[in-house]
N, C-alpha and C. Protein backbone atom coordinates (compact mmCIF):
# COMPACT_ATOMS: atom_id res chain seq x y z
N MET A 1 84.01 95.49 108.27
CA MET A 1 84.53 94.16 108.98
C MET A 1 85.84 93.98 108.17
N ILE A 2 86.79 93.71 108.95
CA ILE A 2 88.21 93.28 108.35
C ILE A 2 88.22 91.72 107.95
N TYR A 3 88.69 91.36 106.91
CA TYR A 3 88.70 90.11 106.53
C TYR A 3 90.31 89.83 106.26
N ILE A 4 90.77 88.65 106.79
CA ILE A 4 92.10 88.32 106.46
C ILE A 4 92.19 87.24 105.40
N VAL A 5 92.97 87.56 104.36
CA VAL A 5 92.95 86.53 103.11
C VAL A 5 94.32 86.11 103.14
N ASN A 6 94.48 84.82 103.11
CA ASN A 6 95.78 84.13 103.00
C ASN A 6 95.63 82.90 101.98
N LYS A 7 96.77 82.09 101.83
CA LYS A 7 96.69 81.30 100.85
C LYS A 7 95.61 80.08 100.91
N GLU A 8 95.19 79.78 102.23
CA GLU A 8 94.23 78.76 102.29
C GLU A 8 92.76 79.31 101.82
N ASN A 9 92.43 80.60 102.08
CA ASN A 9 91.06 81.10 101.78
C ASN A 9 90.88 81.97 100.62
N ARG A 10 92.03 82.12 99.89
CA ARG A 10 92.15 83.18 98.82
C ARG A 10 91.03 83.03 97.69
N ASP A 11 90.78 81.72 97.40
CA ASP A 11 89.70 81.39 96.47
C ASP A 11 88.36 81.94 96.76
N LEU A 12 88.18 82.09 98.09
CA LEU A 12 86.98 82.61 98.56
C LEU A 12 86.68 84.09 98.24
N PHE A 13 87.84 84.75 98.13
CA PHE A 13 87.79 86.15 98.18
C PHE A 13 88.43 86.72 96.59
N ARG A 14 88.14 85.97 95.61
CA ARG A 14 88.52 86.33 94.29
C ARG A 14 87.92 87.71 93.87
N GLY A 15 86.67 87.92 94.11
CA GLY A 15 86.03 89.16 93.64
C GLY A 15 86.63 90.31 94.55
N GLU A 16 86.79 90.33 95.66
CA GLU A 16 87.32 91.30 96.52
C GLU A 16 88.90 91.58 96.32
N LEU A 17 89.63 90.59 96.02
CA LEU A 17 90.96 90.79 95.60
C LEU A 17 91.03 91.40 94.25
N ALA A 18 90.17 91.18 93.44
CA ALA A 18 90.17 91.92 92.15
C ALA A 18 89.83 93.31 92.32
N GLN A 19 88.82 93.61 93.34
CA GLN A 19 88.54 94.95 93.67
C GLN A 19 89.74 95.79 94.18
N MET A 20 90.49 95.09 95.10
CA MET A 20 91.76 95.53 95.75
C MET A 20 92.75 96.03 94.72
N HIS A 21 92.90 94.95 93.74
CA HIS A 21 94.07 95.32 92.79
C HIS A 21 93.64 96.41 91.84
N GLN A 22 92.35 96.55 91.65
CA GLN A 22 91.92 97.81 90.73
C GLN A 22 92.06 99.00 91.49
N HIS A 23 91.59 99.07 92.80
CA HIS A 23 91.84 100.17 93.59
C HIS A 23 93.26 100.50 93.67
N ARG A 24 94.22 99.67 93.74
CA ARG A 24 95.72 100.08 93.71
C ARG A 24 96.11 100.59 92.57
N ARG A 25 95.41 100.09 91.46
CA ARG A 25 95.84 100.80 90.02
C ARG A 25 95.54 102.20 89.94
N VAL A 26 94.15 102.45 90.51
CA VAL A 26 93.71 103.77 90.48
C VAL A 26 94.35 104.63 91.38
N VAL A 27 94.67 104.27 92.73
CA VAL A 27 95.21 105.10 93.65
C VAL A 27 96.81 105.29 93.34
N PHE A 28 97.44 104.33 93.17
CA PHE A 28 98.97 104.36 93.04
C PHE A 28 99.55 104.66 91.70
N VAL A 29 98.90 104.16 90.55
CA VAL A 29 99.45 104.26 89.34
C VAL A 29 98.73 105.51 88.67
N ASP A 30 97.39 105.44 88.69
CA ASP A 30 96.60 106.61 87.86
C ASP A 30 96.78 107.88 88.62
N ARG A 31 96.44 107.80 89.90
CA ARG A 31 96.51 109.24 90.68
C ARG A 31 97.85 109.70 91.23
N LEU A 32 98.72 108.79 91.72
CA LEU A 32 100.04 109.18 92.20
C LEU A 32 101.14 108.86 91.21
N GLY A 33 100.90 108.31 90.09
CA GLY A 33 101.84 108.28 89.09
C GLY A 33 103.01 107.26 89.37
N TRP A 34 102.71 106.31 90.20
CA TRP A 34 103.92 105.45 90.58
C TRP A 34 104.00 104.44 89.37
N ARG A 35 105.44 104.21 89.05
CA ARG A 35 105.61 103.19 87.88
C ARG A 35 105.66 101.87 88.55
N LEU A 36 104.47 101.28 88.44
CA LEU A 36 104.19 99.86 89.10
C LEU A 36 103.56 99.04 87.73
N PRO A 37 103.85 97.51 88.06
CA PRO A 37 103.21 96.73 86.95
C PRO A 37 101.67 96.71 86.96
N VAL A 38 101.13 96.86 85.81
CA VAL A 38 99.64 96.85 85.83
C VAL A 38 99.17 95.88 84.70
N THR A 39 98.15 95.10 85.12
CA THR A 39 97.64 94.09 84.32
C THR A 39 96.05 94.43 84.07
N GLU A 40 95.44 93.63 83.22
CA GLU A 40 94.04 93.82 83.21
C GLU A 40 93.33 93.75 84.37
N TYR A 41 93.97 93.06 85.44
CA TYR A 41 93.33 92.85 86.78
C TYR A 41 93.68 93.86 87.77
N GLY A 42 94.59 94.87 87.37
CA GLY A 42 94.97 95.90 88.26
C GLY A 42 96.50 96.03 88.65
N GLU A 43 96.75 96.52 89.59
CA GLU A 43 98.13 96.73 90.01
C GLU A 43 98.56 95.47 90.88
N THR A 44 99.62 94.78 90.47
CA THR A 44 100.19 93.77 91.11
C THR A 44 101.62 93.77 90.95
N ASP A 45 102.43 93.23 91.94
CA ASP A 45 103.69 93.33 91.81
C ASP A 45 104.44 91.92 92.32
N ALA A 46 105.69 91.90 92.56
CA ALA A 46 106.28 90.59 92.90
C ALA A 46 106.04 90.30 94.33
N TYR A 47 105.52 91.09 95.10
CA TYR A 47 105.21 90.81 96.58
C TYR A 47 103.82 90.46 96.71
N ASP A 48 103.04 90.22 95.75
CA ASP A 48 101.77 89.68 95.81
C ASP A 48 101.79 88.08 95.53
N ARG A 49 102.25 87.51 96.58
CA ARG A 49 102.62 85.95 96.56
C ARG A 49 101.75 85.12 97.37
N ASP A 50 101.96 83.82 97.27
CA ASP A 50 101.20 82.79 98.16
C ASP A 50 101.30 83.16 99.61
N ASP A 51 102.55 83.73 100.02
CA ASP A 51 102.80 83.95 101.50
C ASP A 51 102.26 85.14 102.02
N THR A 52 101.62 86.11 101.06
CA THR A 52 101.10 87.34 101.53
C THR A 52 99.84 87.18 102.06
N LEU A 53 99.69 88.13 103.18
CA LEU A 53 98.43 88.23 103.83
C LEU A 53 97.73 89.50 103.38
N TYR A 54 96.59 89.59 103.12
CA TYR A 54 95.86 90.73 102.84
C TYR A 54 94.83 91.11 103.88
N MET A 55 94.74 92.33 104.21
CA MET A 55 93.77 92.92 105.15
C MET A 55 92.77 93.56 104.20
N LEU A 56 91.38 93.03 104.14
CA LEU A 56 90.35 93.74 103.24
C LEU A 56 89.40 94.26 104.33
N LEU A 57 89.08 95.57 104.15
CA LEU A 57 87.89 96.20 104.98
C LEU A 57 86.81 96.17 103.86
N LYS A 58 85.76 95.47 104.26
CA LYS A 58 84.50 95.40 103.53
C LYS A 58 83.47 96.15 104.16
N ALA A 59 82.58 96.70 103.32
CA ALA A 59 81.26 97.35 103.87
C ALA A 59 80.36 96.24 104.37
N PRO A 60 79.48 96.46 105.22
CA PRO A 60 78.67 95.64 105.83
C PRO A 60 77.73 94.84 104.74
N ALA A 61 77.13 93.72 105.09
CA ALA A 61 76.17 93.09 104.27
C ALA A 61 76.76 92.68 102.76
N GLY A 62 78.02 92.24 102.66
CA GLY A 62 78.67 91.89 101.25
C GLY A 62 78.89 92.95 100.47
N GLY A 63 79.07 94.24 101.02
CA GLY A 63 79.31 95.44 100.31
C GLY A 63 80.79 95.50 99.69
N PRO A 64 80.99 96.45 98.97
CA PRO A 64 82.50 96.44 98.26
C PRO A 64 83.67 96.69 99.38
N VAL A 65 84.79 96.36 98.75
CA VAL A 65 85.99 96.71 99.46
C VAL A 65 86.26 98.09 99.58
N LEU A 66 86.48 98.58 100.94
CA LEU A 66 86.67 99.92 101.34
C LEU A 66 88.09 100.32 101.50
N ALA A 67 88.95 99.49 101.83
CA ALA A 67 90.39 99.76 101.90
C ALA A 67 91.07 98.35 102.18
N SER A 68 92.36 98.29 101.95
CA SER A 68 93.08 97.18 102.04
C SER A 68 94.51 97.54 102.43
N ALA A 69 95.18 96.32 102.73
CA ALA A 69 96.69 96.41 102.96
C ALA A 69 97.22 94.96 102.92
N ARG A 70 98.59 94.90 102.73
CA ARG A 70 99.07 93.51 102.84
C ARG A 70 100.37 93.51 103.87
N LEU A 71 100.53 92.28 104.18
CA LEU A 71 101.62 91.84 105.16
C LEU A 71 102.29 90.85 104.51
N LEU A 72 103.72 90.89 104.41
CA LEU A 72 104.67 90.12 103.92
C LEU A 72 105.70 89.77 104.83
N PRO A 73 106.05 88.14 104.95
CA PRO A 73 107.15 87.87 105.71
C PRO A 73 108.55 88.50 105.20
N THR A 74 109.27 88.87 106.13
CA THR A 74 110.51 89.69 105.96
C THR A 74 111.77 88.62 105.70
N GLU A 75 111.42 87.28 105.88
CA GLU A 75 112.47 86.43 105.43
C GLU A 75 112.47 86.19 104.00
N GLN A 76 111.54 86.56 103.25
CA GLN A 76 111.52 86.54 101.91
C GLN A 76 111.78 87.99 101.40
N PRO A 77 111.96 88.15 100.05
CA PRO A 77 112.29 89.43 99.64
C PRO A 77 110.92 90.47 99.96
N HIS A 78 111.12 91.70 100.22
CA HIS A 78 110.02 92.59 100.44
C HIS A 78 110.44 94.04 100.09
N LEU A 79 109.61 94.84 100.12
CA LEU A 79 109.86 96.28 99.75
C LEU A 79 110.90 96.88 100.38
N MET A 80 110.83 96.77 101.62
CA MET A 80 111.86 97.44 102.41
C MET A 80 113.34 96.90 102.32
N SER A 81 113.41 95.62 102.19
CA SER A 81 114.72 95.17 101.81
C SER A 81 115.18 95.29 100.39
N ASP A 82 114.28 95.09 99.35
CA ASP A 82 114.76 95.28 98.05
C ASP A 82 114.67 96.66 97.61
N LEU A 83 113.88 97.51 97.91
CA LEU A 83 113.85 99.05 97.39
C LEU A 83 114.15 100.24 98.33
N PHE A 84 113.94 99.98 99.64
CA PHE A 84 113.96 101.02 100.72
C PHE A 84 114.95 100.84 101.75
N ALA A 85 116.15 99.85 101.67
CA ALA A 85 117.02 99.51 102.49
C ALA A 85 117.82 100.62 102.92
N ASP A 86 117.98 101.69 102.19
CA ASP A 86 118.80 103.01 102.51
C ASP A 86 117.99 103.88 103.46
N ALA A 87 116.72 103.54 103.69
CA ALA A 87 116.00 104.20 104.73
C ALA A 87 116.20 103.65 106.10
N CYS A 88 116.97 102.56 106.31
CA CYS A 88 117.38 101.98 107.47
C CYS A 88 118.67 102.32 107.67
N ALA A 89 119.11 102.96 109.06
CA ALA A 89 120.32 103.23 109.52
C ALA A 89 121.20 101.95 109.68
N GLY A 90 120.64 100.88 109.99
CA GLY A 90 121.39 99.57 110.06
C GLY A 90 120.87 98.66 109.10
N PRO A 91 121.04 97.30 109.37
CA PRO A 91 120.57 96.42 108.65
C PRO A 91 118.93 96.48 108.56
N CYS A 92 118.31 96.00 107.45
CA CYS A 92 116.98 96.00 107.37
C CYS A 92 116.41 94.77 108.30
N PRO A 93 115.39 95.17 109.02
CA PRO A 93 114.90 94.13 109.92
C PRO A 93 114.20 92.87 109.18
N ARG A 94 114.80 91.65 109.52
CA ARG A 94 114.20 90.57 109.05
C ARG A 94 114.13 89.51 110.15
N GLY A 95 113.19 88.56 109.96
CA GLY A 95 113.19 87.54 110.82
C GLY A 95 111.75 86.88 110.91
N PRO A 96 111.46 85.72 111.40
CA PRO A 96 110.21 84.92 111.41
C PRO A 96 109.18 85.66 111.88
N THR A 97 109.29 86.43 112.91
CA THR A 97 108.20 87.17 113.53
C THR A 97 108.19 88.71 113.18
N ILE A 98 108.95 89.12 112.14
CA ILE A 98 108.91 90.32 111.70
C ILE A 98 108.31 90.44 110.24
N TRP A 99 107.16 91.06 110.11
CA TRP A 99 106.61 91.23 108.84
C TRP A 99 106.53 92.73 108.31
N GLU A 100 106.20 92.83 107.06
CA GLU A 100 106.20 94.19 106.41
C GLU A 100 104.76 94.35 106.09
N ALA A 101 104.29 95.62 106.33
CA ALA A 101 103.07 96.20 105.88
C ALA A 101 103.34 97.12 104.80
N SER A 102 102.55 96.92 103.81
CA SER A 102 102.55 97.67 102.62
C SER A 102 101.28 97.88 101.87
N ARG A 103 101.23 98.71 100.83
CA ARG A 103 100.09 98.85 100.06
C ARG A 103 98.79 99.28 100.72
N PHE A 104 98.92 100.18 101.71
CA PHE A 104 97.76 100.74 102.43
C PHE A 104 96.93 101.48 101.24
N CYS A 105 95.61 101.05 101.17
CA CYS A 105 94.92 101.54 99.93
C CYS A 105 93.50 101.65 100.22
N PRO A 106 93.07 102.91 100.43
CA PRO A 106 91.61 103.17 100.41
C PRO A 106 90.96 103.06 99.02
N ALA A 107 89.58 102.73 98.98
CA ALA A 107 88.79 102.48 97.67
C ALA A 107 88.85 104.11 97.13
N PRO A 108 89.04 103.94 96.01
CA PRO A 108 89.35 105.40 95.26
C PRO A 108 88.08 106.47 95.39
N GLY A 109 86.91 106.15 95.51
CA GLY A 109 85.69 106.83 95.62
C GLY A 109 85.34 107.35 96.99
N LEU A 110 86.29 107.02 98.02
CA LEU A 110 85.96 107.42 99.46
C LEU A 110 86.24 108.91 99.57
N GLY A 111 85.53 109.57 100.34
CA GLY A 111 85.61 110.95 100.78
C GLY A 111 86.70 111.11 101.86
N PRO A 112 87.43 112.18 102.04
CA PRO A 112 88.42 112.30 102.99
C PRO A 112 88.22 111.73 104.39
N ARG A 113 86.95 112.01 105.03
CA ARG A 113 86.73 111.28 106.21
C ARG A 113 86.61 109.82 106.18
N ALA A 114 85.92 109.40 105.29
CA ALA A 114 85.67 107.93 105.15
C ALA A 114 86.85 107.28 104.87
N ARG A 115 88.01 107.93 104.15
CA ARG A 115 89.26 107.46 103.81
C ARG A 115 89.93 107.29 105.03
N LEU A 116 89.97 108.18 105.82
CA LEU A 116 90.69 108.19 107.06
C LEU A 116 90.37 107.07 108.09
N HIS A 117 89.08 107.01 108.20
CA HIS A 117 88.38 105.98 109.03
C HIS A 117 88.66 104.60 108.53
N SER A 118 88.58 104.51 107.34
CA SER A 118 88.91 103.04 106.71
C SER A 118 90.48 102.81 107.01
N LEU A 119 91.42 103.76 106.88
CA LEU A 119 92.76 103.40 106.99
C LEU A 119 93.01 103.04 108.57
N TRP A 120 92.06 103.70 109.46
CA TRP A 120 92.34 103.53 110.89
C TRP A 120 91.90 102.13 111.09
N GLU A 121 90.75 101.53 110.40
CA GLU A 121 90.34 100.30 110.78
C GLU A 121 91.15 99.19 110.19
N VAL A 122 91.98 99.44 108.90
CA VAL A 122 93.03 98.62 108.49
C VAL A 122 94.17 98.45 109.33
N LEU A 123 94.67 99.51 109.95
CA LEU A 123 95.74 99.66 110.87
C LEU A 123 95.33 98.80 111.96
N CYS A 124 94.06 98.81 112.73
CA CYS A 124 93.67 97.93 113.65
C CYS A 124 93.58 96.49 113.24
N GLY A 125 93.18 96.23 112.10
CA GLY A 125 93.35 94.93 111.57
C GLY A 125 94.56 94.32 111.40
N ILE A 126 95.64 95.25 110.99
CA ILE A 126 96.99 94.67 111.04
C ILE A 126 97.50 94.16 112.22
N LEU A 127 97.29 95.06 113.37
CA LEU A 127 97.67 94.75 114.69
C LEU A 127 97.01 93.37 115.21
N GLU A 128 95.50 93.40 115.10
CA GLU A 128 94.92 92.21 115.29
C GLU A 128 95.48 90.92 114.62
N THR A 129 95.81 91.02 113.47
CA THR A 129 96.31 89.85 112.59
C THR A 129 97.64 89.67 113.08
N SER A 130 98.40 90.61 113.50
CA SER A 130 99.76 90.26 113.90
C SER A 130 99.53 89.39 115.34
N LEU A 131 98.75 89.78 116.13
CA LEU A 131 98.65 89.13 117.34
C LEU A 131 98.15 87.62 117.13
N LEU A 132 97.36 87.36 116.09
CA LEU A 132 96.88 86.15 115.82
C LEU A 132 97.78 85.10 115.20
N PHE A 133 98.75 85.78 114.32
CA PHE A 133 99.74 84.90 113.62
C PHE A 133 101.11 85.00 114.28
N GLY A 134 101.28 85.64 115.46
CA GLY A 134 102.55 85.62 116.15
C GLY A 134 103.47 86.50 115.52
N ILE A 135 103.06 87.57 114.91
CA ILE A 135 103.94 88.57 114.37
C ILE A 135 104.36 89.53 115.65
N GLU A 136 105.56 89.75 115.81
CA GLU A 136 106.03 90.60 116.91
C GLU A 136 106.40 91.93 116.52
N GLN A 137 106.95 92.07 115.32
CA GLN A 137 107.19 93.57 114.67
C GLN A 137 106.53 93.70 113.38
N ILE A 138 106.20 94.85 113.01
CA ILE A 138 105.65 95.17 111.78
C ILE A 138 106.68 96.42 111.28
N VAL A 139 107.20 96.25 109.99
CA VAL A 139 108.04 97.30 109.57
C VAL A 139 107.35 97.83 108.24
N PHE A 140 107.68 99.12 107.94
CA PHE A 140 107.00 99.61 106.81
C PHE A 140 107.62 101.00 106.39
N THR A 141 107.29 101.54 105.24
CA THR A 141 107.78 102.91 104.90
C THR A 141 106.63 103.51 104.75
N ALA A 142 106.70 104.77 105.27
CA ALA A 142 105.49 105.73 105.07
C ALA A 142 105.95 106.95 104.37
N ASN A 143 104.96 107.40 103.48
CA ASN A 143 105.17 108.71 102.83
C ASN A 143 104.65 109.86 103.48
N THR A 144 104.99 111.00 103.15
CA THR A 144 104.60 112.21 103.74
C THR A 144 103.18 112.29 104.36
N ALA A 145 102.26 111.90 103.58
CA ALA A 145 100.99 111.73 104.06
C ALA A 145 100.60 110.64 105.09
N LEU A 146 101.13 109.60 104.93
CA LEU A 146 100.88 108.48 105.84
C LEU A 146 101.53 108.56 107.07
N LEU A 147 102.83 109.24 107.19
CA LEU A 147 103.65 109.15 108.34
C LEU A 147 102.87 109.70 109.67
N PRO A 148 102.20 110.80 109.62
CA PRO A 148 101.59 111.55 110.87
C PRO A 148 100.40 110.44 111.25
N LEU A 149 99.78 109.74 110.35
CA LEU A 149 98.86 108.76 110.81
C LEU A 149 99.47 107.51 111.67
N MET A 150 100.49 107.03 111.03
CA MET A 150 101.23 105.97 111.62
C MET A 150 101.74 106.33 112.90
N VAL A 151 102.37 107.33 113.12
CA VAL A 151 103.01 107.67 114.53
C VAL A 151 101.90 108.28 115.38
N SER A 152 100.68 108.68 114.97
CA SER A 152 99.75 109.20 116.01
C SER A 152 98.49 108.10 116.28
N CYS A 153 98.73 106.89 115.74
CA CYS A 153 97.48 106.02 116.06
C CYS A 153 97.77 105.09 117.32
N GLY A 154 98.78 105.36 117.99
CA GLY A 154 98.93 104.78 119.16
C GLY A 154 99.97 103.56 119.05
N TRP A 155 100.42 103.39 118.02
CA TRP A 155 101.53 102.32 117.75
C TRP A 155 102.79 102.59 118.51
N ASP A 156 103.59 101.56 118.84
CA ASP A 156 104.85 101.86 119.35
C ASP A 156 105.85 101.94 118.32
N ALA A 157 105.84 102.92 117.61
CA ALA A 157 106.55 103.10 116.22
C ALA A 157 107.85 103.69 116.48
N HIS A 158 108.99 103.18 115.83
CA HIS A 158 110.20 103.87 115.92
C HIS A 158 110.74 103.97 114.51
N VAL A 159 111.49 105.21 114.25
CA VAL A 159 111.98 105.47 113.00
C VAL A 159 113.33 104.64 112.91
N LEU A 160 113.53 104.05 111.67
CA LEU A 160 114.73 103.20 111.47
C LEU A 160 115.82 103.85 110.90
N GLY A 161 115.70 104.88 110.15
CA GLY A 161 116.72 105.71 109.62
C GLY A 161 116.30 106.98 109.05
N PRO A 162 117.16 107.61 108.25
CA PRO A 162 116.70 108.90 107.63
C PRO A 162 115.55 108.87 106.73
N THR A 163 114.94 110.13 106.74
CA THR A 163 113.77 110.28 105.66
C THR A 163 114.49 110.46 104.37
N LEU A 164 114.02 109.98 103.42
CA LEU A 164 114.72 110.00 102.10
C LEU A 164 113.72 110.57 101.12
N ALA A 165 114.09 111.15 100.09
CA ALA A 165 113.51 111.70 98.92
C ALA A 165 112.90 110.52 98.19
N ASP A 166 111.62 110.53 97.56
CA ASP A 166 111.02 109.50 96.77
C ASP A 166 110.23 110.22 95.85
N GLY A 167 110.96 110.55 94.69
CA GLY A 167 110.34 111.32 93.57
C GLY A 167 110.01 112.59 94.16
N SER A 168 108.68 113.01 94.12
CA SER A 168 108.12 114.31 94.60
C SER A 168 107.68 114.25 96.10
N ASP A 169 108.02 112.98 96.78
CA ASP A 169 107.53 112.78 98.19
C ASP A 169 108.68 112.38 98.95
N GLN A 170 108.51 112.00 100.13
CA GLN A 170 109.58 111.57 101.09
C GLN A 170 109.07 110.35 101.71
N ILE A 171 110.06 109.32 102.17
CA ILE A 171 109.61 108.36 102.87
C ILE A 171 110.53 108.00 104.12
N THR A 172 109.84 107.40 104.95
CA THR A 172 110.57 107.12 106.41
C THR A 172 110.20 105.78 106.72
N ALA A 173 111.24 104.88 107.04
CA ALA A 173 111.05 103.47 107.48
C ALA A 173 110.98 103.47 108.86
N LEU A 174 109.85 102.58 109.24
CA LEU A 174 109.43 102.57 110.74
C LEU A 174 109.45 101.06 111.17
N ARG A 175 109.37 100.87 112.39
CA ARG A 175 109.27 99.67 113.02
C ARG A 175 108.32 99.66 114.18
N VAL A 176 107.34 98.80 114.17
CA VAL A 176 106.27 98.84 115.28
C VAL A 176 106.27 97.58 116.03
N GLN A 177 106.70 97.61 117.44
CA GLN A 177 106.55 96.56 118.28
C GLN A 177 105.00 96.10 118.49
N VAL A 178 104.80 94.80 118.33
CA VAL A 178 103.41 94.42 118.47
C VAL A 178 103.19 93.72 119.88
N ASP A 179 102.21 94.12 120.54
CA ASP A 179 102.02 93.36 121.88
C ASP A 179 100.43 93.62 122.27
N SER A 180 99.95 93.09 123.17
CA SER A 180 98.51 93.04 123.46
C SER A 180 98.24 94.35 124.36
N HIS A 181 98.97 95.01 124.61
CA HIS A 181 98.85 96.25 125.57
C HIS A 181 98.40 97.32 124.88
């Protein structure tokens, strides 16, 4: 089941958010070698703010967090505007109904099939959350591994600019139009 965590209900999900931040540390810092801020609580950055929405996929019956992602309003600083603006051929998309999805993160112990399934569920959760919150567009950057998943999942996705080198990987900026169809 997907849980939407926002400023109002964040206290109810302290344990789950701690799991999420630990998963992000293991996946992004320990395994992928990204240079990100790490605390005793896990990987957190300047975009983990009060206005951030988190999607948490939890196992049934109060089980652990299986995957997560976050949504950020683009009227405030966000990854694409601050770090990946060059991946956009024009201005970086911004607006009250445009939000950025980032930190798609499966739990570190999941096998390949469970990891893929959990990411599909989180993607569906992002779309459903967008419909609930009046979000009309989602922007994100996808690396080489995530890009095929994002363009094949049925989203109305459009590339925003050139694919760029990012360390030993590549990233592509995309925009997804959200609607109920």
